[in-house]
Structures are given as structure tokens and as C-alpha cells.
Amino acid sequence: MEAERVSWERIFKALVSLGLSEIDARVYIHLATKGPALARNIIEELTVKNSQVYRSLRHLQDKGTVKTNNEHPTKFSALPFEEVLDMLIELKEEQAKTLRESREELICSWQINKREKSEDN
């Protein structure tokens, strides 16, 4: 039982480190483990404010990690964990690549701003 809790905690932390907010990670894990659900069911089961869950569902949809059906009321479902993990890792890699490519420009800007600040003093 303890090992299971550590595993879920590790998965949660990994999702957060890959760019999901804590609430987004909780909502995603809930949907991925429990299956499709209505927003109100997520709110009840996670005991989270309505606005937080709706905002989180919108974020997760924007990231492509959660889908909706075309029915009313709308049910939300999570993409498979493996796909989501790959997507989030790829996004982080792209962000790192962008930072590496702009490294020299950032260093130059840093030095200029630092020089200007020291001249002001």
C-alpha cells in the first residue's frame, strides 16, 4: 500500500515538473484512473472549487491531454498516460531547445542591463 502511494506521488510530481499545475495534475490523474466524468463529479470527488476544476479542464484541453464528448452534459476523458507523458516531454524539450538557441542573446541582454544598472548607481 505504501509503495502504491509513493508511485502515485512520483507520477503526480512528474506531471507537475513537466508543466502541469498541481490542480491540472490531480484532475488529469482522476480522469485517467476513473474514466470519463462530468465536471460536477470531478468537483465532488476531488473536493475542489468549481472555478478551479473548470479552469483546469480548459488548460488540459488546450494542452491536448483531455478530450470532451459532443453530448450534453459534457463528459471529459483523459488521453492515455503514455501519450500525455510523451507530449509533455516533447514540449519541455522544445522549450529547452528554444532557451539554448537564445542563450547568447540572453547573456548579452543580461550584461547590457547589468552595466546600465551599475552606471545608474
N, C-alpha and C. Protein backbone atom coordinates (compact mmCIF):
# COMPACT_ATOMS: atom_id res chain seq x y z
N MET A 1 0.83 -1.20 0.00
CA MET A 1 0.00 0.00 0.00
C MET A 1 0.87 1.26 0.00
N GLU A 2 1.90 1.28 0.84
CA GLU A 2 2.80 2.44 0.91
C GLU A 2 3.53 2.66 -0.42
N ALA A 3 3.97 1.57 -1.06
CA ALA A 3 4.66 1.68 -2.35
C ALA A 3 3.74 2.26 -3.40
N GLU A 4 2.46 1.90 -3.35
CA GLU A 4 1.48 2.44 -4.30
C GLU A 4 1.34 3.94 -4.13
N ARG A 5 1.29 4.42 -2.88
CA ARG A 5 1.16 5.86 -2.61
C ARG A 5 2.39 6.60 -3.14
N VAL A 6 3.58 6.03 -2.93
CA VAL A 6 4.80 6.64 -3.42
C VAL A 6 4.77 6.72 -4.95
N SER A 7 4.29 5.67 -5.60
CA SER A 7 4.22 5.67 -7.05
C SER A 7 3.29 6.77 -7.57
N TRP A 8 2.11 6.92 -6.96
CA TRP A 8 1.19 7.98 -7.39
C TRP A 8 1.79 9.35 -7.12
N GLU A 9 2.47 9.49 -5.99
CA GLU A 9 3.13 10.76 -5.68
C GLU A 9 4.21 11.06 -6.71
N ARG A 10 4.95 10.05 -7.11
CA ARG A 10 6.01 10.24 -8.12
C ARG A 10 5.39 10.66 -9.46
N ILE A 11 4.30 10.01 -9.84
CA ILE A 11 3.63 10.36 -11.10
C ILE A 11 3.11 11.79 -11.03
N PHE A 12 2.49 12.14 -9.91
CA PHE A 12 1.98 13.50 -9.71
C PHE A 12 3.11 14.52 -9.86
N LYS A 13 4.22 14.28 -9.17
CA LYS A 13 5.36 15.21 -9.22
C LYS A 13 5.94 15.30 -10.64
N ALA A 14 5.97 14.17 -11.34
CA ALA A 14 6.48 14.17 -12.71
C ALA A 14 5.60 15.04 -13.61
N LEU A 15 4.28 14.90 -13.48
CA LEU A 15 3.37 15.70 -14.29
C LEU A 15 3.54 17.19 -13.99
N VAL A 16 3.71 17.53 -12.73
CA VAL A 16 3.92 18.93 -12.35
C VAL A 16 5.26 19.43 -12.90
N SER A 17 6.30 18.62 -12.80
CA SER A 17 7.61 19.05 -13.30
C SER A 17 7.60 19.19 -14.82
N LEU A 18 6.67 18.52 -15.48
CA LEU A 18 6.57 18.62 -16.93
C LEU A 18 5.63 19.73 -17.39
N GLY A 19 5.14 20.53 -16.44
CA GLY A 19 4.40 21.72 -16.82
C GLY A 19 2.94 21.79 -16.43
N LEU A 20 2.39 20.74 -15.83
CA LEU A 20 1.01 20.84 -15.37
C LEU A 20 0.99 21.50 -14.00
N SER A 21 -0.05 22.28 -13.73
CA SER A 21 -0.21 22.82 -12.39
C SER A 21 -0.63 21.66 -11.48
N GLU A 22 -0.59 21.88 -10.19
CA GLU A 22 -0.97 20.81 -9.26
C GLU A 22 -2.42 20.40 -9.47
N ILE A 23 -3.31 21.36 -9.66
CA ILE A 23 -4.72 21.00 -9.87
C ILE A 23 -4.89 20.29 -11.21
N ASP A 24 -4.18 20.74 -12.25
CA ASP A 24 -4.26 20.07 -13.55
C ASP A 24 -3.81 18.62 -13.43
N ALA A 25 -2.73 18.39 -12.68
CA ALA A 25 -2.23 17.02 -12.49
C ALA A 25 -3.26 16.18 -11.74
N ARG A 26 -3.86 16.74 -10.72
CA ARG A 26 -4.88 16.00 -9.96
C ARG A 26 -6.08 15.65 -10.84
N VAL A 27 -6.55 16.62 -11.62
CA VAL A 27 -7.70 16.38 -12.50
C VAL A 27 -7.35 15.34 -13.56
N TYR A 28 -6.17 15.48 -14.17
CA TYR A 28 -5.77 14.51 -15.19
C TYR A 28 -5.70 13.10 -14.59
N ILE A 29 -5.03 12.95 -13.46
CA ILE A 29 -4.90 11.63 -12.82
C ILE A 29 -6.27 11.06 -12.49
N HIS A 30 -7.16 11.91 -12.02
CA HIS A 30 -8.53 11.47 -11.70
C HIS A 30 -9.20 10.91 -12.95
N LEU A 31 -9.16 11.66 -14.04
CA LEU A 31 -9.81 11.21 -15.27
C LEU A 31 -9.13 9.97 -15.85
N ALA A 32 -7.81 9.93 -15.77
CA ALA A 32 -7.08 8.80 -16.34
C ALA A 32 -7.30 7.51 -15.57
N THR A 33 -7.56 7.63 -14.28
CA THR A 33 -7.75 6.42 -13.47
C THR A 33 -9.22 6.04 -13.30
N LYS A 34 -10.10 7.02 -13.24
CA LYS A 34 -11.52 6.76 -13.01
C LYS A 34 -12.33 6.65 -14.29
N GLY A 35 -11.80 7.18 -15.39
CA GLY A 35 -12.53 7.18 -16.65
C GLY A 35 -13.29 8.47 -16.86
N PRO A 36 -14.00 8.57 -17.99
CA PRO A 36 -14.73 9.80 -18.33
C PRO A 36 -15.66 10.24 -17.19
N ALA A 37 -15.74 11.56 -17.03
CA ALA A 37 -16.56 12.10 -15.94
C ALA A 37 -17.09 13.47 -16.30
N LEU A 38 -18.18 13.81 -15.65
CA LEU A 38 -18.74 15.16 -15.74
C LEU A 38 -17.93 16.07 -14.82
N ALA A 39 -17.89 17.34 -15.13
CA ALA A 39 -17.15 18.28 -14.30
C ALA A 39 -17.66 18.26 -12.87
N ARG A 40 -18.96 18.18 -12.69
CA ARG A 40 -19.51 18.21 -11.33
C ARG A 40 -19.05 17.00 -10.52
N ASN A 41 -18.87 15.86 -11.17
CA ASN A 41 -18.37 14.67 -10.46
C ASN A 41 -16.91 14.85 -10.04
N ILE A 42 -16.13 15.48 -10.90
CA ILE A 42 -14.73 15.76 -10.56
C ILE A 42 -14.67 16.70 -9.37
N ILE A 43 -15.51 17.72 -9.40
CA ILE A 43 -15.56 18.71 -8.31
C ILE A 43 -15.90 18.01 -6.99
N GLU A 44 -16.90 17.14 -7.02
CA GLU A 44 -17.31 16.43 -5.80
C GLU A 44 -16.23 15.49 -5.30
N GLU A 45 -15.65 14.72 -6.20
CA GLU A 45 -14.68 13.70 -5.78
C GLU A 45 -13.34 14.28 -5.34
N LEU A 46 -12.93 15.37 -5.97
CA LEU A 46 -11.65 15.98 -5.60
C LEU A 46 -11.81 17.06 -4.54
N THR A 47 -13.06 17.40 -4.23
CA THR A 47 -13.37 18.49 -3.30
C THR A 47 -12.55 19.74 -3.62
N VAL A 48 -12.74 20.20 -4.84
CA VAL A 48 -12.06 21.39 -5.34
C VAL A 48 -13.13 22.38 -5.81
N LYS A 49 -12.81 23.65 -5.77
CA LYS A 49 -13.76 24.68 -6.19
C LYS A 49 -14.13 24.52 -7.66
N ASN A 50 -15.39 24.85 -7.97
CA ASN A 50 -15.90 24.77 -9.35
C ASN A 50 -14.97 25.48 -10.32
N SER A 51 -14.63 26.73 -10.00
CA SER A 51 -13.83 27.53 -10.93
C SER A 51 -12.47 26.90 -11.19
N GLN A 52 -11.87 26.28 -10.17
CA GLN A 52 -10.56 25.64 -10.34
C GLN A 52 -10.65 24.45 -11.29
N VAL A 53 -11.70 23.65 -11.14
CA VAL A 53 -11.86 22.47 -11.99
C VAL A 53 -12.15 22.89 -13.42
N TYR A 54 -13.04 23.84 -13.62
CA TYR A 54 -13.35 24.28 -14.99
C TYR A 54 -12.12 24.89 -15.66
N ARG A 55 -11.35 25.69 -14.92
CA ARG A 55 -10.12 26.28 -15.45
C ARG A 55 -9.12 25.17 -15.80
N SER A 56 -9.00 24.21 -14.92
CA SER A 56 -8.08 23.09 -15.14
C SER A 56 -8.50 22.28 -16.37
N LEU A 57 -9.77 21.99 -16.51
CA LEU A 57 -10.25 21.24 -17.67
C LEU A 57 -9.96 21.99 -18.96
N ARG A 58 -10.10 23.31 -18.93
CA ARG A 58 -9.79 24.13 -20.10
C ARG A 58 -8.29 24.05 -20.42
N HIS A 59 -7.44 24.17 -19.38
CA HIS A 59 -5.98 24.05 -19.58
C HIS A 59 -5.62 22.70 -20.18
N LEU A 60 -6.20 21.64 -19.61
CA LEU A 60 -5.88 20.29 -20.07
C LEU A 60 -6.36 20.07 -21.50
N GLN A 61 -7.50 20.65 -21.85
CA GLN A 61 -7.98 20.56 -23.24
C GLN A 61 -7.03 21.33 -24.16
N ASP A 62 -6.61 22.51 -23.75
CA ASP A 62 -5.69 23.32 -24.56
C ASP A 62 -4.37 22.59 -24.80
N LYS A 63 -3.93 21.84 -23.81
CA LYS A 63 -2.69 21.07 -23.95
C LYS A 63 -2.90 19.78 -24.75
N GLY A 64 -4.16 19.42 -24.96
CA GLY A 64 -4.46 18.20 -25.71
C GLY A 64 -4.41 16.94 -24.88
N THR A 65 -4.47 17.07 -23.56
CA THR A 65 -4.38 15.90 -22.69
C THR A 65 -5.75 15.38 -22.26
N VAL A 66 -6.78 16.20 -22.47
CA VAL A 66 -8.15 15.84 -22.12
C VAL A 66 -9.05 16.17 -23.29
N LYS A 67 -9.98 15.28 -23.56
CA LYS A 67 -10.97 15.46 -24.64
C LYS A 67 -12.37 15.50 -24.04
N THR A 68 -13.31 16.01 -24.85
CA THR A 68 -14.71 16.01 -24.44
C THR A 68 -15.54 15.23 -25.46
N ASN A 69 -16.71 14.79 -25.00
CA ASN A 69 -17.65 14.18 -25.94
C ASN A 69 -18.51 15.31 -26.52
N ASN A 70 -19.35 15.01 -27.46
CA ASN A 70 -20.20 16.03 -28.05
C ASN A 70 -21.63 15.92 -27.54
N GLU A 71 -21.77 15.59 -26.28
CA GLU A 71 -23.08 15.41 -25.68
C GLU A 71 -23.29 16.46 -24.60
N HIS A 72 -24.54 16.50 -24.13
CA HIS A 72 -24.85 17.38 -23.01
C HIS A 72 -25.49 16.53 -21.92
N PRO A 73 -25.00 16.54 -20.72
CA PRO A 73 -23.85 17.30 -20.24
C PRO A 73 -22.53 16.71 -20.76
N THR A 74 -21.54 17.56 -20.83
CA THR A 74 -20.24 17.19 -21.38
C THR A 74 -19.48 16.29 -20.43
N LYS A 75 -18.96 15.20 -20.98
CA LYS A 75 -18.06 14.33 -20.22
C LYS A 75 -16.64 14.57 -20.70
N PHE A 76 -15.74 14.56 -19.76
CA PHE A 76 -14.32 14.76 -20.04
C PHE A 76 -13.60 13.43 -19.89
N SER A 77 -12.64 13.18 -20.77
CA SER A 77 -11.84 11.96 -20.68
C SER A 77 -10.38 12.29 -20.93
N ALA A 78 -9.52 11.52 -20.30
CA ALA A 78 -8.08 11.74 -20.41
C ALA A 78 -7.49 10.90 -21.52
N LEU A 79 -6.52 11.46 -22.22
CA LEU A 79 -5.74 10.66 -23.16
C LEU A 79 -4.90 9.67 -22.36
N PRO A 80 -4.47 8.59 -22.98
CA PRO A 80 -3.64 7.62 -22.27
C PRO A 80 -2.38 8.27 -21.70
N PHE A 81 -2.00 7.81 -20.52
CA PHE A 81 -0.87 8.38 -19.80
C PHE A 81 0.40 8.39 -20.65
N GLU A 82 0.65 7.32 -21.38
CA GLU A 82 1.86 7.24 -22.20
C GLU A 82 1.91 8.37 -23.23
N GLU A 83 0.77 8.64 -23.87
CA GLU A 83 0.71 9.73 -24.86
C GLU A 83 0.94 11.08 -24.21
N VAL A 84 0.30 11.29 -23.07
CA VAL A 84 0.43 12.56 -22.36
C VAL A 84 1.86 12.77 -21.91
N LEU A 85 2.47 11.74 -21.39
CA LEU A 85 3.86 11.83 -20.95
C LEU A 85 4.76 12.20 -22.12
N ASP A 86 4.58 11.53 -23.25
CA ASP A 86 5.38 11.85 -24.44
C ASP A 86 5.16 13.29 -24.90
N MET A 87 3.90 13.73 -24.90
CA MET A 87 3.58 15.10 -25.32
C MET A 87 4.27 16.12 -24.42
N LEU A 88 4.15 15.92 -23.10
CA LEU A 88 4.72 16.88 -22.16
C LEU A 88 6.25 16.88 -22.22
N ILE A 89 6.85 15.72 -22.39
CA ILE A 89 8.31 15.64 -22.52
C ILE A 89 8.75 16.38 -23.78
N GLU A 90 8.04 16.16 -24.88
CA GLU A 90 8.39 16.84 -26.14
C GLU A 90 8.29 18.35 -25.99
N LEU A 91 7.25 18.81 -25.31
CA LEU A 91 7.08 20.25 -25.09
C LEU A 91 8.24 20.80 -24.27
N LYS A 92 8.65 20.10 -23.22
CA LYS A 92 9.78 20.55 -22.40
C LYS A 92 11.06 20.57 -23.23
N GLU A 93 11.25 19.57 -24.08
CA GLU A 93 12.44 19.53 -24.94
C GLU A 93 12.46 20.71 -25.90
N GLU A 94 11.30 21.06 -26.46
CA GLU A 94 11.21 22.22 -27.35
C GLU A 94 11.53 23.50 -26.61
N GLN A 95 11.03 23.62 -25.38
CA GLN A 95 11.31 24.81 -24.57
C GLN A 95 12.81 24.91 -24.27
N ALA A 96 13.43 23.79 -23.94
CA ALA A 96 14.87 23.78 -23.66
C ALA A 96 15.66 24.15 -24.91
N LYS A 97 15.24 23.65 -26.06
CA LYS A 97 15.92 23.96 -27.32
C LYS A 97 15.83 25.47 -27.60
N THR A 98 14.65 26.04 -27.40
CA THR A 98 14.45 27.47 -27.61
C THR A 98 15.36 28.28 -26.68
N LEU A 99 15.46 27.86 -25.43
CA LEU A 99 16.34 28.56 -24.48
C LEU A 99 17.80 28.44 -24.90
N ARG A 100 18.22 27.25 -25.33
CA ARG A 100 19.60 27.06 -25.78
C ARG A 100 19.89 27.97 -26.97
N GLU A 101 18.93 28.06 -27.89
CA GLU A 101 19.13 28.89 -29.09
C GLU A 101 19.20 30.38 -28.76
N SER A 102 18.53 30.79 -27.70
CA SER A 102 18.54 32.21 -27.35
C SER A 102 19.54 32.52 -26.22
N ARG A 103 20.35 31.55 -25.85
CA ARG A 103 21.30 31.70 -24.74
C ARG A 103 22.21 32.92 -24.92
N GLU A 104 22.86 33.02 -26.07
CA GLU A 104 23.81 34.13 -26.29
C GLU A 104 23.11 35.48 -26.22
N GLU A 105 21.93 35.56 -26.80
CA GLU A 105 21.16 36.81 -26.76
C GLU A 105 20.79 37.17 -25.32
N LEU A 106 20.39 36.17 -24.55
CA LEU A 106 20.03 36.42 -23.15
C LEU A 106 21.24 36.89 -22.35
N ILE A 107 22.39 36.26 -22.58
CA ILE A 107 23.61 36.67 -21.87
C ILE A 107 23.99 38.10 -22.24
N CYS A 108 23.88 38.43 -23.50
CA CYS A 108 24.18 39.78 -23.96
C CYS A 108 23.24 40.80 -23.29
N SER A 109 21.96 40.49 -23.28
CA SER A 109 20.98 41.38 -22.64
C SER A 109 21.28 41.52 -21.16
N TRP A 110 21.65 40.43 -20.52
CA TRP A 110 22.00 40.46 -19.10
C TRP A 110 23.17 41.42 -18.85
N GLN A 111 24.18 41.28 -19.66
CA GLN A 111 25.38 42.11 -19.47
C GLN A 111 25.08 43.58 -19.72
N ILE A 112 24.29 43.89 -20.73
CA ILE A 112 23.92 45.28 -21.02
C ILE A 112 23.12 45.85 -19.87
N ASN A 113 22.10 45.11 -19.41
CA ASN A 113 21.26 45.59 -18.31
C ASN A 113 22.06 45.73 -17.02
N LYS A 114 22.97 44.82 -16.78
CA LYS A 114 23.79 44.88 -15.58
C LYS A 114 24.70 46.11 -15.62
N ARG A 115 25.29 46.37 -16.79
CA ARG A 115 26.17 47.54 -16.97
C ARG A 115 25.38 48.83 -16.75
N GLU A 116 24.18 48.90 -17.36
CA GLU A 116 23.36 50.11 -17.22
C GLU A 116 22.94 50.33 -15.78
N LYS A 117 22.65 49.26 -15.07
CA LYS A 117 22.24 49.38 -13.67
C LYS A 117 23.40 49.87 -12.81
N SER A 118 24.59 49.35 -13.08
CA SER A 118 25.76 49.80 -12.28
C SER A 118 26.12 51.24 -12.60
N GLU A 119 25.88 51.71 -13.82
CA GLU A 119 26.14 53.10 -14.18
C GLU A 119 25.14 54.04 -13.53
N ASP A 120 23.91 53.54 -13.28
CA ASP A 120 22.89 54.34 -12.62
C ASP A 120 23.21 54.56 -11.15
N ASN A 121 23.94 53.64 -10.57
CA ASN A 121 24.26 53.74 -9.13
C ASN A 121 25.40 54.62 -8.94
